[in-house]
Amino acid sequence: MSRATLSAMPPGEVRWTSEIHTDGELRFRLGREGDRLIAEWPGICTLRAERDGSSSELLPAPDADPELIDKLHSGLARALLRHVSGELTLHASAAAIGGRAIACVGESHAGKSTAVAELVVNHGAELVSDDTLAIVLGDHGAGVIPTEPVSWLLPESRRALGFDADETFGKVPIAPIRAAQGQVPLGALVMLVFDDDIDTPTLRRLRGHDALEGLVPSVVRFILDEPELHRRELEQLTRLVSCVPVYELARPYRIEQLAAASEALRALAEGRGKP
């Protein structure tokens, strides 16, 4: 995956500020058309919004997959609009156990959706989010609001969790056994990483700069070219790490380690075994 910033275009046209490619194919881009904000998922849909968030529209592409449109509408599109209104959203998967949420962040393909789905399937958790986590910062802590109603899982993950897994390429939606219905206190944020030099999952607490540095890439942003918004995000993240512990969970890249990794996550959610 690569990310590139493009130069300005003539007035009246879209000025693309960022784009994401996978295997040489354009997957997503952000830009401006005058003062309007544009987010485009080629072949799926386009989101247009006023800079002040007063109005927005999601326009499906012809013959686009309805499930993908629903996924983007409930997840990333809403997250982008939250950014316009000054709210904080992270690229994260989360589940609630015993009235507290545990959220997983990390790079693409770090196993966030799989780890959370395992908690829901095998540990009685409730799904809070699959890809975008809406954060609510309060005076005495942070909460999360349920966003997406399904988990999107690869075939290997579906098989490991006991679901029927055909040879369908890529992720497909799996309806959870249980889904959270309202705001849940956020108990911990966990950065997932793979490390084949270790034999079992290893959990360590991140503090200060390390915690902030780990979360910055996970912030969902619609506007990339206004420095004051970056300062606002940093203030929000600083508040977040001051009231919610942040951890790194490293584990081998082996699906058979999923249960052990999920047990470490469950212990954090339940307030057990914190380093």
C-alpha atoms as a PDB file:
ATOM      1  CA  MET A   1       0.000   0.000   0.000  1.00  0.00           C
ATOM      2  CA  SER A   2       1.295   3.473  -0.830  1.00  0.00           C
ATOM      3  CA  ARG A   3       0.126   6.988  -0.078  1.00  0.00           C
ATOM      4  CA  ALA A   4       0.829  10.028  -2.261  1.00  0.00           C
ATOM      5  CA  THR A   5       0.005  13.729  -2.110  1.00  0.00           C
ATOM      6  CA  LEU A   6      -0.982  15.353  -5.409  1.00  0.00           C
ATOM      7  CA  SER A   7      -0.447  18.885  -6.650  1.00  0.00           C
ATOM      8  CA  ALA A   8      -3.228  21.442  -6.962  1.00  0.00           C
ATOM      9  CA  MET A   9      -5.563  21.352  -9.974  1.00  0.00           C
ATOM     10  CA  PRO A  10      -7.147  24.315 -11.811  1.00  0.00           C
ATOM     11  CA  PRO A  11     -10.016  26.155 -10.077  1.00  0.00           C
ATOM     12  CA  GLY A  12     -13.391  24.448 -10.427  1.00  0.00           C
ATOM     13  CA  GLU A  13     -11.919  20.969 -10.476  1.00  0.00           C
ATOM     14  CA  VAL A  14     -11.221  18.574  -7.646  1.00  0.00           C
ATOM     15  CA  ARG A  15      -7.874  19.143  -5.952  1.00  0.00           C
ATOM     16  CA  TRP A  16      -6.875  15.727  -4.668  1.00  0.00           C
ATOM     17  CA  THR A  17      -4.853  15.943  -1.471  1.00  0.00           C
ATOM     18  CA  SER A  18      -4.212  12.264  -0.791  1.00  0.00           C
ATOM     19  CA  GLU A  19      -4.741   8.895  -2.398  1.00  0.00           C
ATOM     20  CA  ILE A  20      -4.209   5.273  -1.466  1.00  0.00           C
ATOM     21  CA  HIS A  21      -3.177   2.527  -3.895  1.00  0.00           C
ATOM     22  CA  THR A  22      -3.115  -1.242  -3.383  1.00  0.00           C
ATOM     23  CA  ASP A  23      -1.099  -3.305  -5.865  1.00  0.00           C
ATOM     24  CA  GLY A  24      -0.980  -0.321  -8.194  1.00  0.00           C
ATOM     25  CA  GLU A  25      -4.751   0.238  -8.171  1.00  0.00           C
ATOM     26  CA  LEU A  26      -6.386   3.375  -6.788  1.00  0.00           C
ATOM     27  CA  ARG A  27      -8.562   2.404  -3.816  1.00  0.00           C
ATOM     28  CA  PHE A  28      -9.370   5.686  -2.086  1.00  0.00           C
ATOM     29  CA  ARG A  29      -8.672   9.407  -2.342  1.00  0.00           C
ATOM     30  CA  LEU A  30      -9.493  12.652  -0.573  1.00  0.00           C
ATOM     31  CA  GLY A  31      -9.784  16.096  -2.071  1.00  0.00           C
ATOM     32  CA  ARG A  32     -11.575  19.421  -2.325  1.00  0.00           C
ATOM     33  CA  GLU A  33     -13.891  20.897  -4.910  1.00  0.00           C
ATOM     34  CA  GLY A  34     -13.761  24.548  -3.984  1.00  0.00           C
ATOM     35  CA  ASP A  35     -14.585  24.483  -0.274  1.00  0.00           C
ATOM     36  CA  ARG A  36     -16.476  21.180  -0.484  1.00  0.00           C
ATOM     37  CA  LEU A  37     -14.786  18.017   0.750  1.00  0.00           C
ATOM     38  CA  ILE A  38     -14.656  14.929  -1.471  1.00  0.00           C
ATOM     39  CA  ALA A  39     -13.897  11.306  -0.557  1.00  0.00           C
ATOM     40  CA  GLU A  40     -13.959   8.764  -3.359  1.00  0.00           C
ATOM     41  CA  TRP A  41     -13.862   4.972  -3.321  1.00  0.00           C
ATOM     42  CA  PRO A  42     -13.541   4.278  -7.086  1.00  0.00           C
ATOM     43  CA  GLY A  43     -16.215   1.946  -8.368  1.00  0.00           C
ATOM     44  CA  ILE A  44     -18.104   2.019  -5.056  1.00  0.00           C
ATOM     45  CA  CYS A  45     -19.203   5.485  -3.957  1.00  0.00           C
ATOM     46  CA  THR A  46     -18.304   9.142  -3.464  1.00  0.00           C
ATOM     47  CA  LEU A  47     -18.875  11.222  -0.334  1.00  0.00           C
ATOM     48  CA  ARG A  48     -19.315  14.989  -0.664  1.00  0.00           C
ATOM     49  CA  ALA A  49     -19.626  17.266   2.348  1.00  0.00           C
ATOM     50  CA  GLU A  50     -19.641  20.925   3.238  1.00  0.00           C
ATOM     51  CA  ARG A  51     -16.564  22.079   5.119  1.00  0.00           C
ATOM     52  CA  ASP A  52     -18.663  22.949   8.173  1.00  0.00           C
ATOM     53  CA  GLY A  53     -20.488  19.618   8.100  1.00  0.00           C
ATOM     54  CA  SER A  54     -23.865  21.283   7.499  1.00  0.00           C
ATOM     55  CA  SER A  55     -24.735  18.886   4.668  1.00  0.00           C
ATOM     56  CA  SER A  56     -23.348  15.779   2.992  1.00  0.00           C
ATOM     57  CA  GLU A  57     -24.291  13.154   0.414  1.00  0.00           C
ATOM     58  CA  LEU A  58     -23.085   9.634  -0.360  1.00  0.00           C
ATOM     59  CA  LEU A  59     -23.400   8.809  -4.062  1.00  0.00           C
ATOM     60  CA  PRO A  60     -23.158   5.101  -5.038  1.00  0.00           C
ATOM     61  CA  ALA A  61     -21.375   4.212  -8.264  1.00  0.00           C
ATOM     62  CA  PRO A  62     -23.369   2.353 -10.930  1.00  0.00           C
ATOM     63  CA  ASP A  63     -23.518  -1.404 -10.234  1.00  0.00           C
ATOM     64  CA  ALA A  64     -21.630  -1.007  -6.939  1.00  0.00           C
ATOM     65  CA  ASP A  65     -21.857  -3.836  -4.396  1.00  0.00           C
ATOM     66  CA  PRO A  66     -24.631  -2.854  -1.922  1.00  0.00           C
ATOM     67  CA  GLU A  67     -22.819  -4.583   0.961  1.00  0.00           C
ATOM     68  CA  LEU A  68     -19.693  -2.500   0.361  1.00  0.00           C
ATOM     69  CA  ILE A  69     -21.772   0.673   0.199  1.00  0.00           C
ATOM     70  CA  ASP A  70     -23.447  -0.223   3.504  1.00  0.00           C
ATOM     71  CA  LYS A  71     -20.033  -0.940   5.041  1.00  0.00           C
ATOM     72  CA  LEU A  72     -18.658   2.445   4.004  1.00  0.00           C
ATOM     73  CA  HIS A  73     -21.841   4.304   4.964  1.00  0.00           C
ATOM     74  CA  SER A  74     -21.914   2.921   8.506  1.00  0.00           C
ATOM     75  CA  GLY A  75     -18.155   3.031   8.976  1.00  0.00           C
ATOM     76  CA  LEU A  76     -15.636   5.204   7.193  1.00  0.00           C
ATOM     77  CA  ALA A  77     -18.041   7.723   5.658  1.00  0.00           C
ATOM     78  CA  ARG A  78     -19.547   8.533   9.051  1.00  0.00           C
ATOM     79  CA  ALA A  79     -16.073   8.666  10.554  1.00  0.00           C
ATOM     80  CA  LEU A  80     -14.980  11.239   7.981  1.00  0.00           C
ATOM     81  CA  LEU A  81     -18.017  13.378   8.789  1.00  0.00           C
ATOM     82  CA  ARG A  82     -17.236  13.106  12.505  1.00  0.00           C
ATOM     83  CA  HIS A  83     -13.810  14.565  11.746  1.00  0.00           C
ATOM     84  CA  VAL A  84     -15.423  17.571  10.053  1.00  0.00           C
ATOM     85  CA  SER A  85     -17.491  18.209  13.179  1.00  0.00           C
ATOM     86  CA  GLY A  86     -14.444  18.022  15.449  1.00  0.00           C
ATOM     87  CA  GLU A  87     -14.926  14.495  16.818  1.00  0.00           C
ATOM     88  CA  LEU A  88     -12.300  11.766  17.115  1.00  0.00           C
ATOM     89  CA  THR A  89     -12.543   8.445  15.289  1.00  0.00           C
ATOM     90  CA  LEU A  90      -9.888   5.727  15.070  1.00  0.00           C
ATOM     91  CA  HIS A  91      -9.368   2.955  12.570  1.00  0.00           C
ATOM     92  CA  ALA A  92      -9.991   0.215  15.138  1.00  0.00           C
ATOM     93  CA  SER A  93     -11.957  -2.918  15.876  1.00  0.00           C
ATOM     94  CA  ALA A  94     -13.565  -3.168  19.304  1.00  0.00           C
ATOM     95  CA  ALA A  95     -15.645  -5.445  21.499  1.00  0.00           C
ATOM     96  CA  ALA A  96     -17.324  -4.969  24.868  1.00  0.00           C
ATOM     97  CA  ILE A  97     -16.915  -7.445  27.730  1.00  0.00           C
ATOM     98  CA  GLY A  98     -18.521  -6.946  31.110  1.00  0.00           C
ATOM     99  CA  GLY A  99     -19.540  -3.397  30.274  1.00  0.00           C
ATOM    100  CA  ARG A 100     -16.063  -2.269  29.134  1.00  0.00           C
ATOM    101  CA  ALA A 101     -14.687  -2.016  25.602  1.00  0.00           C
ATOM    102  CA  ILE A 102     -11.335  -3.245  24.389  1.00  0.00           C
ATOM    103  CA  ALA A 103     -10.180  -1.660  21.109  1.00  0.00           C
ATOM    104  CA  CYS A 104      -7.556  -2.992  18.689  1.00  0.00           C
ATOM    105  CA  VAL A 105      -5.554  -0.630  16.473  1.00  0.00           C
ATOM    106  CA  GLY A 106      -2.708  -1.333  14.088  1.00  0.00           C
ATOM    107  CA  GLU A 107      -1.687  -1.412  10.461  1.00  0.00           C
ATOM    108  CA  SER A 108      -3.824  -2.893   7.707  1.00  0.00           C
ATOM    109  CA  HIS A 109      -3.863  -6.713   7.975  1.00  0.00           C
ATOM    110  CA  ALA A 110      -2.690  -6.620  11.598  1.00  0.00           C
ATOM    111  CA  GLY A 111      -5.608  -8.891  12.552  1.00  0.00           C
ATOM    112  CA  LYS A 112      -7.870  -6.349  14.250  1.00  0.00           C
ATOM    113  CA  SER A 113     -11.164  -7.703  12.897  1.00  0.00           C
ATOM    114  CA  THR A 114     -10.167 -11.303  13.552  1.00  0.00           C
ATOM    115  CA  ALA A 115      -9.099 -10.685  17.149  1.00  0.00           C
ATOM    116  CA  VAL A 116     -12.337  -8.876  17.968  1.00  0.00           C
ATOM    117  CA  ALA A 117     -14.505 -11.446  16.187  1.00  0.00           C
ATOM    118  CA  GLU A 118     -12.848 -14.187  18.251  1.00  0.00           C
ATOM    119  CA  LEU A 119     -13.813 -12.350  21.434  1.00  0.00           C
ATOM    120  CA  VAL A 120     -17.405 -12.154  20.236  1.00  0.00           C
ATOM    121  CA  VAL A 121     -17.650 -15.755  19.032  1.00  0.00           C
ATOM    122  CA  ASN A 122     -15.805 -17.523  21.846  1.00  0.00           C
ATOM    123  CA  HIS A 123     -15.796 -15.203  24.873  1.00  0.00           C
ATOM    124  CA  GLY A 124     -19.285 -13.719  25.038  1.00  0.00           C
ATOM    125  CA  ALA A 125     -18.234 -10.223  23.938  1.00  0.00           C
ATOM    126  CA  GLU A 126     -20.426  -7.751  22.042  1.00  0.00           C
ATOM    127  CA  LEU A 127     -19.247  -6.239  18.759  1.00  0.00           C
ATOM    128  CA  VAL A 128     -18.709  -2.478  18.966  1.00  0.00           C
ATOM    129  CA  SER A 129     -16.836  -1.773  15.740  1.00  0.00           C
ATOM    130  CA  ASP A 130     -15.103  -3.581  12.897  1.00  0.00           C
ATOM    131  CA  ASP A 131     -13.126  -0.802  11.217  1.00  0.00           C
ATOM    132  CA  THR A 132     -13.966   2.633  12.664  1.00  0.00           C
ATOM    133  CA  LEU A 133     -14.261   3.405  16.377  1.00  0.00           C
ATOM    134  CA  ALA A 134     -16.174   6.533  17.431  1.00  0.00           C
ATOM    135  CA  ILE A 135     -14.507   8.009  20.535  1.00  0.00           C
ATOM    136  CA  VAL A 136     -16.375  10.157  23.061  1.00  0.00           C
ATOM    137  CA  LEU A 137     -14.059  12.069  25.401  1.00  0.00           C
ATOM    138  CA  GLY A 138     -15.511  12.993  28.786  1.00  0.00           C
ATOM    139  CA  ASP A 139     -14.253  14.715  31.900  1.00  0.00           C
ATOM    140  CA  HIS A 140     -13.411  11.449  33.664  1.00  0.00           C
ATOM    141  CA  GLY A 141     -12.737   8.965  30.884  1.00  0.00           C
ATOM    142  CA  ALA A 142     -13.544   7.934  27.338  1.00  0.00           C
ATOM    143  CA  GLY A 143     -16.396   5.986  25.811  1.00  0.00           C
ATOM    144  CA  VAL A 144     -17.043   4.404  22.429  1.00  0.00           C
ATOM    145  CA  ILE A 145     -20.187   4.349  20.298  1.00  0.00           C
ATOM    146  CA  PRO A 146     -21.131   1.234  18.278  1.00  0.00           C
ATOM    147  CA  THR A 147     -20.649   1.796  14.555  1.00  0.00           C
ATOM    148  CA  GLU A 148     -20.581  -1.199  12.200  1.00  0.00           C
ATOM    149  CA  PRO A 149     -23.040  -4.089  12.727  1.00  0.00           C
ATOM    150  CA  VAL A 150     -20.920  -6.861  11.128  1.00  0.00           C
ATOM    151  CA  SER A 151     -17.351  -8.190  11.075  1.00  0.00           C
ATOM    152  CA  TRP A 152     -15.536  -8.430   7.738  1.00  0.00           C
ATOM    153  CA  LEU A 153     -13.289 -11.502   7.770  1.00  0.00           C
ATOM    154  CA  LEU A 154     -10.872 -13.272   5.431  1.00  0.00           C
ATOM    155  CA  PRO A 155     -11.376 -16.993   4.630  1.00  0.00           C
ATOM    156  CA  GLU A 156      -8.639 -18.130   7.043  1.00  0.00           C
ATOM    157  CA  SER A 157     -10.239 -16.173   9.879  1.00  0.00           C
ATOM    158  CA  ARG A 158     -13.723 -17.445   9.058  1.00  0.00           C
ATOM    159  CA  ARG A 159     -12.495 -21.046   9.129  1.00  0.00           C
ATOM    160  CA  ALA A 160     -10.648 -20.513  12.425  1.00  0.00           C
ATOM    161  CA  LEU A 161     -13.829 -19.173  14.018  1.00  0.00           C
ATOM    162  CA  GLY A 162     -16.030 -21.992  12.734  1.00  0.00           C
ATOM    163  CA  PHE A 163     -17.785 -20.155   9.931  1.00  0.00           C
ATOM    164  CA  ASP A 164     -18.356 -21.536   6.465  1.00  0.00           C
ATOM    165  CA  ALA A 165     -15.436 -20.263   4.394  1.00  0.00           C
ATOM    166  CA  ASP A 166     -15.624 -20.786   0.653  1.00  0.00           C
ATOM    167  CA  GLU A 167     -12.965 -19.612  -1.738  1.00  0.00           C
ATOM    168  CA  THR A 168     -14.406 -16.101  -1.982  1.00  0.00           C
ATOM    169  CA  PHE A 169     -11.486 -13.722  -2.396  1.00  0.00           C
ATOM    170  CA  GLY A 170     -11.058 -11.060   0.258  1.00  0.00           C
ATOM    171  CA  LYS A 171     -13.188 -10.205   3.256  1.00  0.00           C
ATOM    172  CA  VAL A 172     -16.898 -10.938   3.543  1.00  0.00           C
ATOM    173  CA  PRO A 173     -19.353  -9.742   6.218  1.00  0.00           C
ATOM    174  CA  ILE A 174     -20.235 -12.007   9.127  1.00  0.00           C
ATOM    175  CA  ALA A 175     -23.131 -10.999  11.372  1.00  0.00           C
ATOM    176  CA  PRO A 176     -22.025 -11.150  15.023  1.00  0.00           C
ATOM    177  CA  ILE A 177     -23.677 -13.295  17.658  1.00  0.00           C
ATOM    178  CA  ARG A 178     -23.984 -10.202  19.856  1.00  0.00           C
ATOM    179  CA  ALA A 179     -23.690  -6.477  19.096  1.00  0.00           C
ATOM    180  CA  ALA A 180     -23.389  -3.598  21.558  1.00  0.00           C
ATOM    181  CA  GLN A 181     -26.410  -1.305  21.616  1.00  0.00           C
ATOM    182  CA  GLY A 182     -25.181   1.872  23.288  1.00  0.00           C
ATOM    183  CA  GLN A 183     -22.146   3.822  24.434  1.00  0.00           C
ATOM    184  CA  VAL A 184     -19.588   1.715  26.343  1.00  0.00           C
ATOM    185  CA  PRO A 185     -16.691   2.898  28.560  1.00  0.00           C
ATOM    186  CA  LEU A 186     -13.337   2.316  26.852  1.00  0.00           C
ATOM    187  CA  GLY A 187     -11.145   0.131  29.049  1.00  0.00           C
ATOM    188  CA  ALA A 188      -7.994  -0.202  26.929  1.00  0.00           C
ATOM    189  CA  LEU A 189      -6.469   0.427  23.505  1.00  0.00           C
ATOM    190  CA  VAL A 190      -4.225  -2.313  22.131  1.00  0.00           C
ATOM    191  CA  MET A 191      -1.843  -1.977  19.193  1.00  0.00           C
ATOM    192  CA  LEU A 192      -1.618  -5.302  17.373  1.00  0.00           C
ATOM    193  CA  VAL A 193       1.654  -6.308  15.719  1.00  0.00           C
ATOM    194  CA  PHE A 194       2.994  -9.550  14.296  1.00  0.00           C
ATOM    195  CA  ASP A 195       6.419 -10.793  15.396  1.00  0.00           C
ATOM    196  CA  ASP A 196       7.617 -14.208  14.212  1.00  0.00           C
ATOM    197  CA  ASP A 197      10.660 -13.996  16.503  1.00  0.00           C
ATOM    198  CA  ILE A 198       8.475 -14.804  19.523  1.00  0.00           C
ATOM    199  CA  ASP A 199       6.630 -18.020  20.335  1.00  0.00           C
ATOM    200  CA  THR A 200       3.664 -16.713  22.337  1.00  0.00           C
ATOM    201  CA  PRO A 201       1.735 -13.428  22.560  1.00  0.00           C
ATOM    202  CA  THR A 202       3.532 -10.709  24.536  1.00  0.00           C
ATOM    203  CA  LEU A 203       1.780  -7.706  26.059  1.00  0.00           C
ATOM    204  CA  ARG A 204       3.494  -4.489  27.157  1.00  0.00           C
ATOM    205  CA  ARG A 205       2.233  -1.104  28.319  1.00  0.00           C
ATOM    206  CA  LEU A 206       2.939   1.945  26.146  1.00  0.00           C
ATOM    207  CA  ARG A 207       3.210   5.324  27.826  1.00  0.00           C
ATOM    208  CA  GLY A 208       3.691   8.966  26.889  1.00  0.00           C
ATOM    209  CA  HIS A 209       5.212   9.561  23.461  1.00  0.00           C
ATOM    210  CA  ASP A 210       5.176   5.856  22.558  1.00  0.00           C
ATOM    211  CA  ALA A 211       1.417   5.666  23.156  1.00  0.00           C
ATOM    212  CA  LEU A 212       0.724   8.817  21.145  1.00  0.00           C
ATOM    213  CA  GLU A 213       3.010   7.753  18.311  1.00  0.00           C
ATOM    214  CA  GLY A 214       1.195   4.441  18.079  1.00  0.00           C
ATOM    215  CA  LEU A 215      -2.252   6.043  17.829  1.00  0.00           C
ATOM    216  CA  VAL A 216      -1.563   8.939  15.430  1.00  0.00           C
ATOM    217  CA  PRO A 217      -1.629   6.764  12.258  1.00  0.00           C
ATOM    218  CA  SER A 218      -5.015   5.353  13.317  1.00  0.00           C
ATOM    219  CA  VAL A 219      -6.856   8.711  13.332  1.00  0.00           C
ATOM    220  CA  VAL A 220      -9.525   8.994  10.617  1.00  0.00           C
ATOM    221  CA  ARG A 221      -9.152  12.339   8.801  1.00  0.00           C
ATOM    222  CA  PHE A 222     -11.217  14.055   6.123  1.00  0.00           C
ATOM    223  CA  ILE A 223      -9.191  17.290   6.080  1.00  0.00           C
ATOM    224  CA  LEU A 224      -5.431  16.936   5.646  1.00  0.00           C
ATOM    225  CA  ASP A 225      -4.323  20.453   4.780  1.00  0.00           C
ATOM    226  CA  GLU A 226      -5.248  22.478   7.890  1.00  0.00           C
ATOM    227  CA  PRO A 227      -2.549  22.485  10.611  1.00  0.00           C
ATOM    228  CA  GLU A 228      -4.956  23.633  13.316  1.00  0.00           C
ATOM    229  CA  LEU A 229      -6.927  20.403  12.908  1.00  0.00           C
ATOM    230  CA  HIS A 230      -3.763  18.384  13.465  1.00  0.00           C
ATOM    231  CA  ARG A 231      -3.212  20.304  16.694  1.00  0.00           C
ATOM    232  CA  ARG A 232      -6.788  19.531  17.737  1.00  0.00           C
ATOM    233  CA  GLU A 233      -6.251  15.823  17.049  1.00  0.00           C
ATOM    234  CA  LEU A 234      -3.060  15.807  19.090  1.00  0.00           C
ATOM    235  CA  GLU A 235      -4.913  17.406  22.004  1.00  0.00           C
ATOM    236  CA  GLN A 236      -7.676  14.798  21.704  1.00  0.00           C
ATOM    237  CA  LEU A 237      -5.181  11.929  21.596  1.00  0.00           C
ATOM    238  CA  THR A 238      -3.315  13.354  24.582  1.00  0.00           C
ATOM    239  CA  ARG A 239      -6.568  13.394  26.555  1.00  0.00           C
ATOM    240  CA  LEU A 240      -7.324   9.870  25.390  1.00  0.00           C
ATOM    241  CA  VAL A 241      -4.023   8.333  26.515  1.00  0.00           C
ATOM    242  CA  SER A 242      -4.253  10.205  29.823  1.00  0.00           C
ATOM    243  CA  CYS A 243      -7.438   8.342  30.757  1.00  0.00           C
ATOM    244  CA  VAL A 244      -7.216   5.062  28.789  1.00  0.00           C
ATOM    245  CA  PRO A 245      -4.209   2.698  29.007  1.00  0.00           C
ATOM    246  CA  VAL A 246      -2.487   1.807  25.736  1.00  0.00           C
ATOM    247  CA  TYR A 247      -0.734  -1.517  25.138  1.00  0.00           C
ATOM    248  CA  GLU A 248       1.154  -3.334  22.425  1.00  0.00           C
ATOM    249  CA  LEU A 249       0.256  -6.966  21.815  1.00  0.00           C
ATOM    250  CA  ALA A 250       2.874  -8.784  19.750  1.00  0.00           C
ATOM    251  CA  ARG A 251       2.216 -12.316  18.563  1.00  0.00           C
ATOM    252  CA  PRO A 252       3.442 -14.775  15.927  1.00  0.00           C
ATOM    253  CA  TYR A 253       1.766 -14.713  12.534  1.00  0.00           C
ATOM    254  CA  ARG A 254       0.019 -18.027  13.086  1.00  0.00           C
ATOM    255  CA  ILE A 255      -3.743 -18.465  13.267  1.00  0.00           C
ATOM    256  CA  GLU A 256      -3.352 -21.089  16.009  1.00  0.00           C
ATOM    257  CA  GLN A 257      -2.141 -18.280  18.314  1.00  0.00           C
ATOM    258  CA  LEU A 258      -5.491 -16.514  17.982  1.00  0.00           C
ATOM    259  CA  ALA A 259      -6.982 -17.995  21.156  1.00  0.00           C
ATOM    260  CA  ALA A 260      -3.971 -17.026  23.290  1.00  0.00           C
ATOM    261  CA  ALA A 261      -3.963 -13.484  21.907  1.00  0.00           C
ATOM    262  CA  SER A 262      -7.685 -13.126  22.559  1.00  0.00           C
ATOM    263  CA  GLU A 263      -7.263 -14.317  26.139  1.00  0.00           C
ATOM    264  CA  ALA A 264      -4.773 -11.476  26.702  1.00  0.00           C
ATOM    265  CA  LEU A 265      -7.309  -9.022  25.281  1.00  0.00           C
ATOM    266  CA  ARG A 266     -10.101 -10.412  27.435  1.00  0.00           C
ATOM    267  CA  ALA A 267      -7.936 -10.111  30.554  1.00  0.00           C
ATOM    268  CA  LEU A 268      -7.387  -6.421  29.787  1.00  0.00           C
ATOM    269  CA  ALA A 269     -11.079  -5.798  29.189  1.00  0.00           C
ATOM    270  CA  GLU A 270     -11.907  -7.469  32.517  1.00  0.00           C
ATOM    271  CA  GLY A 271      -9.170  -5.603  34.388  1.00  0.00           C
ATOM    272  CA  ARG A 272      -6.990  -8.668  34.933  1.00  0.00           C
ATOM    273  CA  GLY A 273      -3.256  -9.090  34.426  1.00  0.00           C
ATOM    274  CA  LYS A 274      -2.356  -5.542  33.422  1.00  0.00           C
ATOM    275  CA  PRO A 275       1.429  -5.060  33.185  1.00  0.00           C
END
